[in-house]
Amino acid sequence: MTSVLVVDDDRSLVSSIQSALVLEGFTVLVSHNVATTAVHAVDAVDLILSDWWLPDGNAADIQSLFPQALLLILTGDANVAERKREQGIQCLIKPVGLSVIIATVHQMFGTVPTP
């Protein structure tokens, strides 16, 4: 089963994304900062879906724990989004709807959303 690590300090957003991804058939791990994400470093993670700015670091810190994983950044900072897109990194600007997040995750995996 494909696994997604969702990292954001907005617990409500993480919960919503987690619920939606589980309904789509993904295994979902959650974290709210870099420090607590380290406990998942032993888990296989296929995709990191992370806010860029976290209380104790950023999504690059998360990616360094899972260098093989795809990265999808959520950010409210349009400048960050532009720089990351120029680097070839998928980025969505908050606020963004769950349907867009789900569609983007499926696109990254080459799968089709549940109707």
Protein backbone atom coordinates (compact mmCIF):
# COMPACT_ATOMS: atom_id res chain seq x y z
CA MET A 1 0.00 0.00 0.00
CA THR A 2 1.26 3.49 -0.84
CA SER A 3 2.21 5.58 2.20
CA VAL A 4 1.93 9.32 2.68
CA LEU A 5 3.50 11.28 5.52
CA VAL A 6 1.47 14.42 6.29
CA VAL A 7 3.33 17.10 8.26
CA ASP A 8 1.77 20.41 9.32
CA ASP A 9 1.42 22.24 12.62
CA ASP A 10 -2.26 22.86 11.80
CA ARG A 11 -3.72 19.77 13.47
CA SER A 12 -7.18 20.28 11.99
CA LEU A 13 -5.76 20.40 8.46
CA VAL A 14 -3.66 17.29 9.09
CA SER A 15 -6.71 15.43 10.38
CA SER A 16 -8.79 16.42 7.32
CA ILE A 17 -6.04 15.42 4.89
CA GLN A 18 -5.44 12.15 6.75
CA SER A 19 -9.13 11.21 6.62
CA ALA A 20 -9.40 12.01 2.91
CA LEU A 21 -6.24 10.08 1.99
CA VAL A 22 -7.31 7.03 4.02
CA LEU A 23 -10.62 7.01 2.12
CA GLU A 24 -8.54 7.00 -1.08
CA GLY A 25 -6.73 3.86 0.08
CA PHE A 26 -3.43 5.37 1.20
CA THR A 27 -1.57 4.48 4.39
CA VAL A 28 -1.14 7.79 6.23
CA LEU A 29 1.41 8.77 8.85
CA VAL A 30 1.08 12.15 10.56
CA SER A 31 3.34 14.57 12.34
CA HIS A 32 3.24 18.21 13.38
CA ASN A 33 6.92 19.17 13.38
CA VAL A 34 10.39 17.98 12.39
CA ALA A 35 11.25 16.49 15.78
CA THR A 36 8.24 14.17 15.95
CA THR A 37 8.67 13.20 12.31
CA ALA A 38 11.99 11.55 13.13
CA VAL A 39 10.12 8.66 14.81
CA HIS A 40 8.75 7.73 11.38
CA ALA A 41 12.23 7.53 9.86
CA VAL A 42 12.07 3.73 10.17
CA ASP A 43 8.82 3.63 8.18
CA ALA A 44 8.64 3.38 4.41
CA VAL A 45 7.30 6.68 3.11
CA ASP A 46 6.42 7.13 -0.56
CA LEU A 47 5.28 10.76 -0.41
CA ILE A 48 5.82 13.61 2.02
CA LEU A 49 2.99 16.13 2.04
CA SER A 50 4.31 18.96 4.21
CA ASP A 51 3.86 22.58 5.06
CA TRP A 52 7.06 24.40 4.12
CA TRP A 53 7.41 26.30 7.39
CA LEU A 54 7.21 24.19 10.56
CA PRO A 55 7.72 25.25 14.19
CA ASP A 56 11.20 23.69 14.30
CA GLY A 57 12.36 23.70 10.69
CA ASN A 58 10.97 23.24 7.21
CA ALA A 59 10.00 20.61 4.65
CA ALA A 60 13.62 20.24 3.51
CA ASP A 61 14.43 18.94 7.01
CA ILE A 62 11.61 16.40 6.65
CA GLN A 63 12.79 15.36 3.20
CA SER A 64 16.30 14.74 4.50
CA LEU A 65 14.81 11.99 6.71
CA PHE A 66 13.17 10.33 3.66
CA PRO A 67 15.38 11.14 0.67
CA GLN A 68 13.68 8.51 -1.53
CA ALA A 69 10.19 9.98 -1.04
CA LEU A 70 8.35 12.29 -3.39
CA LEU A 71 7.68 15.75 -1.95
CA LEU A 72 4.52 17.84 -2.14
CA ILE A 73 4.73 21.16 -0.33
CA LEU A 74 1.78 23.10 1.04
CA THR A 75 2.53 26.74 1.78
CA GLY A 76 0.80 30.03 2.26
CA ASP A 77 3.91 31.81 0.98
CA ALA A 78 3.69 32.44 -2.76
CA ASN A 79 7.41 33.26 -2.93
CA VAL A 80 8.32 29.86 -1.47
CA ALA A 81 5.93 28.19 -3.90
CA GLU A 82 7.50 29.95 -6.86
CA ARG A 83 11.07 29.06 -5.81
CA LYS A 84 10.18 25.42 -5.18
CA ARG A 85 8.36 25.09 -8.50
CA GLU A 86 11.43 26.49 -10.24
CA GLN A 87 13.36 23.65 -8.56
CA GLY A 88 10.86 21.12 -9.95
CA ILE A 89 9.11 20.51 -6.64
CA GLN A 90 5.33 20.13 -6.55
CA CYS A 91 3.79 22.93 -4.49
CA LEU A 92 0.25 23.95 -3.59
CA ILE A 93 -0.60 27.36 -2.14
CA LYS A 94 -2.82 27.49 0.95
CA PRO A 95 -5.67 27.77 1.28
CA VAL A 96 -6.27 24.80 -0.98
CA GLY A 97 -9.23 22.44 -1.12
CA LEU A 98 -8.99 18.78 -0.16
CA SER A 99 -10.08 17.77 -3.64
CA VAL A 100 -7.06 19.56 -5.13
CA ILE A 101 -4.72 17.93 -2.62
CA ILE A 102 -6.16 14.48 -3.33
CA ALA A 103 -6.00 14.99 -7.10
CA THR A 104 -2.38 16.16 -6.85
CA VAL A 105 -1.37 13.17 -4.73
CA HIS A 106 -2.99 10.81 -7.23
CA GLN A 107 -1.29 12.62 -10.11
CA MET A 108 2.09 12.24 -8.43
CA PHE A 109 1.52 8.49 -8.06
CA GLY A 110 -0.12 8.06 -11.45
CA THR A 111 -3.31 6.75 -9.86
CA VAL A 112 -6.96 7.73 -10.18
CA PRO A 113 -9.04 9.28 -7.39
CA THR A 114 -11.95 7.32 -5.98
CA PRO A 115 -15.20 8.49 -7.60
